[in-house]
PDB file of N, CA and C in Angstrom:
ATOM      1  N   MET A   1      44.644 -15.194 -23.553  1.00  0.00           N
ATOM      2  CA  MET A   1      43.529 -15.750 -23.741  1.00  0.00           C
ATOM      3  C   MET A   1      44.599 -17.325 -24.361  1.00  0.00           C
ATOM      4  N   LYS A   2      44.875 -18.023 -24.560  1.00  0.00           N
ATOM      5  CA  LYS A   2      45.921 -19.473 -25.185  1.00  0.00           C
ATOM      6  C   LYS A   2      44.458 -19.681 -25.945  1.00  0.00           C
ATOM      7  N   CYS A   3      44.754 -20.344 -27.565  1.00  0.00           N
ATOM      8  CA  CYS A   3      44.203 -21.085 -28.006  1.00  0.00           C
ATOM      9  C   CYS A   3      42.807 -21.809 -27.893  1.00  0.00           C
ATOM     10  N   GLU A   4      43.481 -22.687 -26.937  1.00  0.00           N
ATOM     11  CA  GLU A   4      43.115 -24.489 -26.287  1.00  0.00           C
ATOM     12  C   GLU A   4      41.868 -23.824 -25.017  1.00  0.00           C
ATOM     13  N   GLU A   5      41.968 -22.425 -24.417  1.00  0.00           N
ATOM     14  CA  GLU A   5      41.404 -22.038 -24.043  1.00  0.00           C
ATOM     15  C   GLU A   5      40.092 -21.540 -24.881  1.00  0.00           C
ATOM     16  N   ALA A   6      40.221 -20.537 -25.434  1.00  0.00           N
ATOM     17  CA  ALA A   6      39.166 -19.446 -26.822  1.00  0.00           C
ATOM     18  C   ALA A   6      38.560 -21.091 -27.305  1.00  0.00           C
ATOM     19  N   GLY A   7      38.857 -22.451 -26.891  1.00  0.00           N
ATOM     20  CA  GLY A   7      38.473 -22.964 -28.257  1.00  0.00           C
ATOM     21  C   GLY A   7      36.793 -23.858 -26.752  1.00  0.00           C
ATOM     22  N   HIS A   8      37.652 -23.795 -25.783  1.00  0.00           N
ATOM     23  CA  HIS A   8      36.819 -24.257 -23.911  1.00  0.00           C
ATOM     24  C   HIS A   8      35.438 -23.505 -24.154  1.00  0.00           C
ATOM     25  N   VAL A   9      35.962 -22.551 -24.484  1.00  0.00           N
ATOM     26  CA  VAL A   9      34.694 -21.237 -24.065  1.00  0.00           C
ATOM     27  C   VAL A   9      33.723 -21.442 -24.937  1.00  0.00           C
ATOM     28  N   CYS A  10      34.774 -21.525 -26.105  1.00  0.00           N
ATOM     29  CA  CYS A  10      33.483 -21.574 -27.618  1.00  0.00           C
ATOM     30  C   CYS A  10      32.554 -21.746 -27.696  1.00  0.00           C
ATOM     31  N   ASP A  11      33.014 -23.587 -26.605  1.00  0.00           N
ATOM     32  CA  ASP A  11      31.772 -24.625 -26.167  1.00  0.00           C
ATOM     33  C   ASP A  11      30.914 -24.230 -25.827  1.00  0.00           C
ATOM     34  N   LYS A  12      31.958 -23.943 -24.339  1.00  0.00           N
ATOM     35  CA  LYS A  12      30.592 -23.326 -23.574  1.00  0.00           C
ATOM     36  C   LYS A  12      29.877 -21.806 -23.657  1.00  0.00           C
ATOM     37  N   SER A  13      30.373 -21.606 -25.028  1.00  0.00           N
ATOM     38  CA  SER A  13      29.390 -19.782 -25.293  1.00  0.00           C
ATOM     39  C   SER A  13      28.249 -20.980 -25.990  1.00  0.00           C
ATOM     40  N   GLN A  14      28.058 -21.235 -26.635  1.00  0.00           N
ATOM     41  CA  GLN A  14      27.179 -22.036 -27.136  1.00  0.00           C
ATOM     42  C   GLN A  14      25.691 -22.394 -26.666  1.00  0.00           C
ATOM     43  N   TYR A  15      26.222 -23.548 -25.704  1.00  0.00           N
ATOM     44  CA  TYR A  15      25.442 -23.901 -25.085  1.00  0.00           C
ATOM     45  C   TYR A  15      25.107 -22.675 -23.712  1.00  0.00           C
ATOM     46  N   LYS A  16      25.393 -21.801 -23.865  1.00  0.00           N
ATOM     47  CA  LYS A  16      24.865 -20.536 -22.841  1.00  0.00           C
ATOM     48  C   LYS A  16      25.382 -20.173 -21.814  1.00  0.00           C
ATOM     49  N   GLU A  17      26.748 -21.445 -21.213  1.00  0.00           N
ATOM     50  CA  GLU A  17      27.359 -21.797 -19.863  1.00  0.00           C
ATOM     51  C   GLU A  17      28.518 -20.668 -19.572  1.00  0.00           C
ATOM     52  N   ALA A  18      28.588 -19.755 -20.397  1.00  0.00           N
ATOM     53  CA  ALA A  18      30.073 -19.804 -20.228  1.00  0.00           C
ATOM     54  C   ALA A  18      29.942 -18.269 -19.334  1.00  0.00           C
ATOM     55  N   SER A  19      30.658 -17.183 -19.048  1.00  0.00           N
ATOM     56  CA  SER A  19      30.319 -16.214 -17.683  1.00  0.00           C
ATOM     57  C   SER A  19      30.284 -14.644 -19.482  1.00  0.00           C
ATOM     58  N   PHE A  20      29.835 -13.716 -18.536  1.00  0.00           N
ATOM     59  CA  PHE A  20      30.455 -12.398 -19.753  1.00  0.00           C
ATOM     60  C   PHE A  20      31.791 -12.039 -19.403  1.00  0.00           C
ATOM     61  N   TRP A  21      32.540 -12.530 -19.345  1.00  0.00           N
ATOM     62  CA  TRP A  21      33.836 -12.238 -18.608  1.00  0.00           C
ATOM     63  C   TRP A  21      34.599 -13.232 -19.543  1.00  0.00           C
ATOM     64  N   GLU A  22      34.589 -14.585 -19.946  1.00  0.00           N
ATOM     65  CA  GLU A  22      35.152 -15.620 -21.605  1.00  0.00           C
ATOM     66  C   GLU A  22      34.807 -14.810 -22.376  1.00  0.00           C
ATOM     67  N   LYS A  23      33.124 -14.498 -22.224  1.00  0.00           N
ATOM     68  CA  LYS A  23      32.822 -14.077 -23.846  1.00  0.00           C
ATOM     69  C   LYS A  23      33.707 -13.248 -25.046  1.00  0.00           C
ATOM     70  N   VAL A  24      34.091 -11.800 -23.401  1.00  0.00           N
ATOM     71  CA  VAL A  24      34.779 -10.468 -23.546  1.00  0.00           C
ATOM     72  C   VAL A  24      36.103 -11.406 -24.057  1.00  0.00           C
ATOM     73  N   LYS A  25      36.689 -11.679 -23.105  1.00  0.00           N
ATOM     74  CA  LYS A  25      38.465 -12.379 -23.402  1.00  0.00           C
ATOM     75  C   LYS A  25      38.735 -12.993 -24.981  1.00  0.00           C
ATOM     76  N   LEU A  26      36.826 -13.779 -25.262  1.00  0.00           N
ATOM     77  CA  LEU A  26      37.350 -14.963 -26.727  1.00  0.00           C
ATOM     78  C   LEU A  26      36.750 -13.604 -27.884  1.00  0.00           C
ATOM     79  N   ASN A  27      35.878 -13.408 -27.396  1.00  0.00           N
ATOM     80  CA  ASN A  27      36.460 -11.997 -28.620  1.00  0.00           C
ATOM     81  C   ASN A  27      37.282 -10.858 -28.520  1.00  0.00           C
ATOM     82  N   ILE A  28      38.250 -10.965 -27.735  1.00  0.00           N
ATOM     83  CA  ILE A  28      39.550 -10.175 -27.652  1.00  0.00           C
ATOM     84  C   ILE A  28      39.926 -11.211 -29.337  1.00  0.00           C
ATOM     85  N   HIS A  29      40.562 -12.514 -28.671  1.00  0.00           N
ATOM     86  CA  HIS A  29      40.970 -13.359 -29.386  1.00  0.00           C
ATOM     87  C   HIS A  29      41.078 -13.617 -30.681  1.00  0.00           C
ATOM     88  N   LEU A  30      39.587 -14.136 -30.528  1.00  0.00           N
ATOM     89  CA  LEU A  30      39.186 -13.503 -31.694  1.00  0.00           C
ATOM     90  C   LEU A  30      39.123 -12.575 -32.532  1.00  0.00           C
ATOM     91  N   LEU A  31      40.161 -12.179 -32.823  1.00  0.00           N
ATOM     92  CA  LEU A  31      39.619 -10.396 -33.180  1.00  0.00           C
ATOM     93  C   LEU A  31      41.663 -10.439 -34.050  1.00  0.00           C
ATOM     94  N   TYR A  32      42.196 -11.750 -33.318  1.00  0.00           N
ATOM     95  CA  TYR A  32      43.566 -11.224 -33.818  1.00  0.00           C
ATOM     96  C   TYR A  32      43.593 -12.603 -34.428  1.00  0.00           C
ATOM     97  N   CYS A  33      42.634 -13.969 -34.090  1.00  0.00           N
ATOM     98  CA  CYS A  33      43.853 -15.420 -34.242  1.00  0.00           C
ATOM     99  C   CYS A  33      42.197 -15.969 -35.422  1.00  0.00           C
ATOM    100  N   SER A  34      42.414 -16.245 -36.430  1.00  0.00           N
ATOM    101  CA  SER A  34      42.661 -16.407 -37.409  1.00  0.00           C
ATOM    102  C   SER A  34      42.245 -18.326 -37.407  1.00  0.00           C
ATOM    103  N   VAL A  35      42.537 -18.393 -37.020  1.00  0.00           N
ATOM    104  CA  VAL A  35      42.622 -20.366 -36.306  1.00  0.00           C
ATOM    105  C   VAL A  35      41.611 -20.654 -35.408  1.00  0.00           C
ATOM    106  N   CYS A  36      40.646 -19.131 -34.324  1.00  0.00           N
ATOM    107  CA  CYS A  36      39.835 -20.074 -33.556  1.00  0.00           C
ATOM    108  C   CYS A  36      39.244 -19.019 -34.371  1.00  0.00           C
ATOM    109  N   ARG A  37      38.902 -18.409 -35.694  1.00  0.00           N
ATOM    110  CA  ARG A  37      37.246 -17.210 -35.470  1.00  0.00           C
ATOM    111  C   ARG A  37      36.645 -19.022 -36.672  1.00  0.00           C
ATOM    112  N   LYS A  38      38.320 -19.447 -37.554  1.00  0.00           N
ATOM    113  CA  LYS A  38      36.994 -20.860 -37.859  1.00  0.00           C
ATOM    114  C   LYS A  38      36.536 -21.231 -37.298  1.00  0.00           C
ATOM    115  N   TYR A  39      37.360 -22.062 -35.936  1.00  0.00           N
ATOM    116  CA  TYR A  39      36.723 -23.363 -35.039  1.00  0.00           C
ATOM    117  C   TYR A  39      35.368 -22.381 -34.890  1.00  0.00           C
ATOM    118  N   THR A  40      35.017 -20.898 -34.333  1.00  0.00           N
ATOM    119  CA  THR A  40      33.813 -20.991 -33.728  1.00  0.00           C
ATOM    120  C   THR A  40      32.675 -20.942 -35.195  1.00  0.00           C
ATOM    121  N   LYS A  41      33.470 -20.845 -36.618  1.00  0.00           N
ATOM    122  CA  LYS A  41      32.510 -20.748 -37.294  1.00  0.00           C
ATOM    123  C   LYS A  41      32.310 -22.224 -37.745  1.00  0.00           C
ATOM    124  N   ASN A  42      32.499 -22.488 -37.803  1.00  0.00           N
ATOM    125  CA  ASN A  42      32.670 -24.450 -38.087  1.00  0.00           C
ATOM    126  C   ASN A  42      31.833 -24.791 -36.639  1.00  0.00           C
ATOM    127  N   ASN A  43      31.800 -24.747 -35.606  1.00  0.00           N
ATOM    128  CA  ASN A  43      31.299 -25.334 -34.753  1.00  0.00           C
ATOM    129  C   ASN A  43      29.614 -25.086 -34.786  1.00  0.00           C
ATOM    130  N   ALA A  44      29.220 -23.533 -34.632  1.00  0.00           N
ATOM    131  CA  ALA A  44      28.660 -22.608 -35.108  1.00  0.00           C
ATOM    132  C   ALA A  44      27.206 -23.143 -35.615  1.00  0.00           C
ATOM    133  N   GLN A  45      27.983 -23.747 -36.580  1.00  0.00           N
ATOM    134  CA  GLN A  45      27.773 -24.226 -38.668  1.00  0.00           C
ATOM    135  C   GLN A  45      27.185 -25.661 -38.675  1.00  0.00           C
ATOM    136  N   LEU A  46      28.183 -26.334 -37.140  1.00  0.00           N
ATOM    137  CA  LEU A  46      27.009 -27.457 -36.877  1.00  0.00           C
ATOM    138  C   LEU A  46      26.486 -27.439 -36.279  1.00  0.00           C
ATOM    139  N   SER A  47      26.485 -27.184 -34.758  1.00  0.00           N
ATOM    140  CA  SER A  47      25.082 -27.603 -33.832  1.00  0.00           C
ATOM    141  C   SER A  47      24.343 -26.190 -34.724  1.00  0.00           C
ATOM    142  N   GLU A  48      24.601 -25.637 -35.901  1.00  0.00           N
ATOM    143  CA  GLU A  48      23.005 -24.802 -36.536  1.00  0.00           C
ATOM    144  C   GLU A  48      22.176 -26.296 -37.078  1.00  0.00           C
ATOM    145  N   ILE A  49      23.425 -26.696 -37.408  1.00  0.00           N
ATOM    146  CA  ILE A  49      23.040 -28.530 -38.738  1.00  0.00           C
ATOM    147  C   ILE A  49      22.709 -29.674 -38.399  1.00  0.00           C
ATOM    148  N   LEU A  50      22.646 -29.682 -36.704  1.00  0.00           N
ATOM    149  CA  LEU A  50      22.704 -31.300 -35.500  1.00  0.00           C
ATOM    150  C   LEU A  50      20.514 -30.229 -35.528  1.00  0.00           C
ATOM    151  N   ILE A  51      20.815 -29.329 -34.931  1.00  0.00           N
ATOM    152  CA  ILE A  51      19.189 -28.064 -34.366  1.00  0.00           C
ATOM    153  C   ILE A  51      17.852 -28.512 -35.597  1.00  0.00           C
ATOM    154  N   LYS A  52      18.852 -27.880 -37.615  1.00  0.00           N
ATOM    155  CA  LYS A  52      17.528 -29.204 -38.085  1.00  0.00           C
ATOM    156  C   LYS A  52      17.594 -29.715 -38.686  1.00  0.00           C
ATOM    157  N   SER A  53      18.599 -30.555 -37.864  1.00  0.00           N
ATOM    158  CA  SER A  53      18.608 -32.276 -38.473  1.00  0.00           C
ATOM    159  C   SER A  53      17.292 -32.581 -37.881  1.00  0.00           C
ATOM    160  N   ASP A  54      16.312 -31.583 -36.397  1.00  0.00           N
ATOM    161  CA  ASP A  54      15.499 -32.641 -36.222  1.00  0.00           C
ATOM    162  C   ASP A  54      16.495 -34.324 -35.592  1.00  0.00           C
ATOM    163  N   ILE A  55      17.585 -35.029 -34.981  1.00  0.00           N
ATOM    164  CA  ILE A  55      18.013 -36.242 -34.678  1.00  0.00           C
ATOM    165  C   ILE A  55      16.098 -36.856 -33.426  1.00  0.00           C
ATOM    166  N   LYS A  56      16.267 -37.948 -32.971  1.00  0.00           N
ATOM    167  CA  LYS A  56      15.687 -38.046 -31.717  1.00  0.00           C
ATOM    168  C   LYS A  56      16.632 -39.309 -31.320  1.00  0.00           C
ATOM    169  N   THR A  57      16.866 -38.685 -30.051  1.00  0.00           N
ATOM    170  CA  THR A  57      17.328 -40.031 -29.845  1.00  0.00           C
ATOM    171  C   THR A  57      16.267 -40.698 -28.666  1.00  0.00           C
ATOM    172  N   MET A  58      16.875 -42.198 -28.149  1.00  0.00           N
ATOM    173  CA  MET A  58      16.573 -43.081 -27.556  1.00  0.00           C
ATOM    174  C   MET A  58      15.841 -42.550 -26.395  1.00  0.00           C
ATOM    175  N   PRO A  59      14.496 -42.557 -25.823  1.00  0.00           N
ATOM    176  CA  PRO A  59      14.160 -42.630 -24.272  1.00  0.00           C
ATOM    177  C   PRO A  59      14.773 -42.510 -23.315  1.00  0.00           C
ATOM    178  N   LEU A  60      15.637 -41.670 -21.888  1.00  0.00           N
ATOM    179  CA  LEU A  60      16.915 -42.156 -21.185  1.00  0.00           C
ATOM    180  C   LEU A  60      15.964 -43.781 -20.613  1.00  0.00           C
ATOM    181  N   ASN A  61      14.435 -44.313 -20.899  1.00  0.00           N
ATOM    182  CA  ASN A  61      13.945 -45.343 -20.016  1.00  0.00           C
ATOM    183  C   ASN A  61      15.106 -46.509 -20.414  1.00  0.00           C
ATOM    184  N   ASP A  62      14.426 -46.000 -22.312  1.00  0.00           N
ATOM    185  CA  ASP A  62      15.034 -47.668 -23.175  1.00  0.00           C
ATOM    186  C   ASP A  62      16.841 -47.291 -23.220  1.00  0.00           C
ATOM    187  N   LYS A  63      17.674 -46.253 -22.663  1.00  0.00           N
ATOM    188  CA  LYS A  63      18.819 -46.675 -22.350  1.00  0.00           C
ATOM    189  C   LYS A  63      19.068 -47.099 -21.082  1.00  0.00           C
ATOM    190  N   LYS A  64      18.666 -46.958 -20.359  1.00  0.00           N
ATOM    191  CA  LYS A  64      18.992 -47.785 -18.955  1.00  0.00           C
ATOM    192  C   LYS A  64      18.859 -49.042 -19.704  1.00  0.00           C
ATOM    193  N   ASP A  65      17.925 -48.993 -19.513  1.00  0.00           N
ATOM    194  CA  ASP A  65      17.568 -51.215 -19.800  1.00  0.00           C
ATOM    195  C   ASP A  65      18.393 -51.473 -20.222  1.00  0.00           C
ATOM    196  N   LEU A  66      18.404 -51.110 -21.912  1.00  0.00           N
ATOM    197  CA  LEU A  66      20.257 -51.356 -22.523  1.00  0.00           C
ATOM    198  C   LEU A  66      20.908 -51.376 -22.192  1.00  0.00           C
ATOM    199  N   LYS A  67      21.070 -50.723 -21.434  1.00  0.00           N
ATOM    200  CA  LYS A  67      23.019 -50.397 -20.914  1.00  0.00           C
ATOM    201  C   LYS A  67      23.052 -51.754 -19.434  1.00  0.00           C
ATOM    202  N   GLU A  68      21.478 -52.083 -18.914  1.00  0.00           N
ATOM    203  CA  GLU A  68      21.569 -53.136 -18.082  1.00  0.00           C
ATOM    204  C   GLU A  68      21.685 -54.206 -18.854  1.00  0.00           C
ATOM    205  N   LYS A  69      20.746 -54.374 -19.785  1.00  0.00           N
ATOM    206  CA  LYS A  69      20.897 -56.168 -20.004  1.00  0.00           C
ATOM    207  C   LYS A  69      23.040 -55.966 -21.270  1.00  0.00           C
ATOM    208  N   ILE A  70      22.948 -55.013 -21.950  1.00  0.00           N
ATOM    209  CA  ILE A  70      24.831 -55.083 -22.042  1.00  0.00           C
ATOM    210  C   ILE A  70      25.620 -55.827 -20.662  1.00  0.00           C
ATOM    211  N   HIS A  71      25.794 -55.196 -19.532  1.00  0.00           N
ATOM    212  CA  HIS A  71      26.266 -56.236 -18.390  1.00  0.00           C
ATOM    213  C   HIS A  71      25.960 -56.588 -17.614  1.00  0.00           C
ATOM    214  N   GLN A  72      24.309 -57.395 -17.847  1.00  0.00           N
ATOM    215  CA  GLN A  72      24.052 -58.535 -17.819  1.00  0.00           C
ATOM    216  C   GLN A  72      24.676 -59.839 -18.616  1.00  0.00           C
ATOM    217  N   GLU A  73      24.675 -59.267 -19.920  1.00  0.00           N
ATOM    218  CA  GLU A  73      25.091 -60.298 -20.924  1.00  0.00           C
ATOM    219  C   GLU A  73      27.581 -60.176 -21.569  1.00  0.00           C
ATOM    220  N   MET A  74      27.606 -59.336 -20.882  1.00  0.00           N
ATOM    221  CA  MET A  74      29.268 -59.060 -20.733  1.00  0.00           C
ATOM    222  C   MET A  74      29.263 -60.118 -18.987  1.00  0.00           C
ATOM    223  N   SER A  75      28.208 -60.332 -18.675  1.00  0.00           N
ATOM    224  CA  SER A  75      29.042 -60.677 -16.720  1.00  0.00           C
ATOM    225  C   SER A  75      29.317 -61.828 -16.962  1.00  0.00           C
ATOM    226  N   LYS A  76      28.293 -62.388 -18.520  1.00  0.00           N
ATOM    227  CA  LYS A  76      28.120 -63.958 -18.055  1.00  0.00           C
ATOM    228  C   LYS A  76      29.404 -64.835 -18.312  1.00  0.00           C
TER     229      LYS A  76
END
């Protein structure tokens, strides 16, 4: 597995989207690649920080309304 693919599988794994075999190949890759181990560790820490931060996002309806207003203003 190349490092680029390992990074992609690492991201998928965090969101429970990676298959069993992707995880196995990733773990084998992480045994010998210190760069990808560091990426995986940093990625996990960032996700944990974001979860703990309890960030609130704009409701979907408000996003749609804002997007529509922006398009209307841009088309003037």
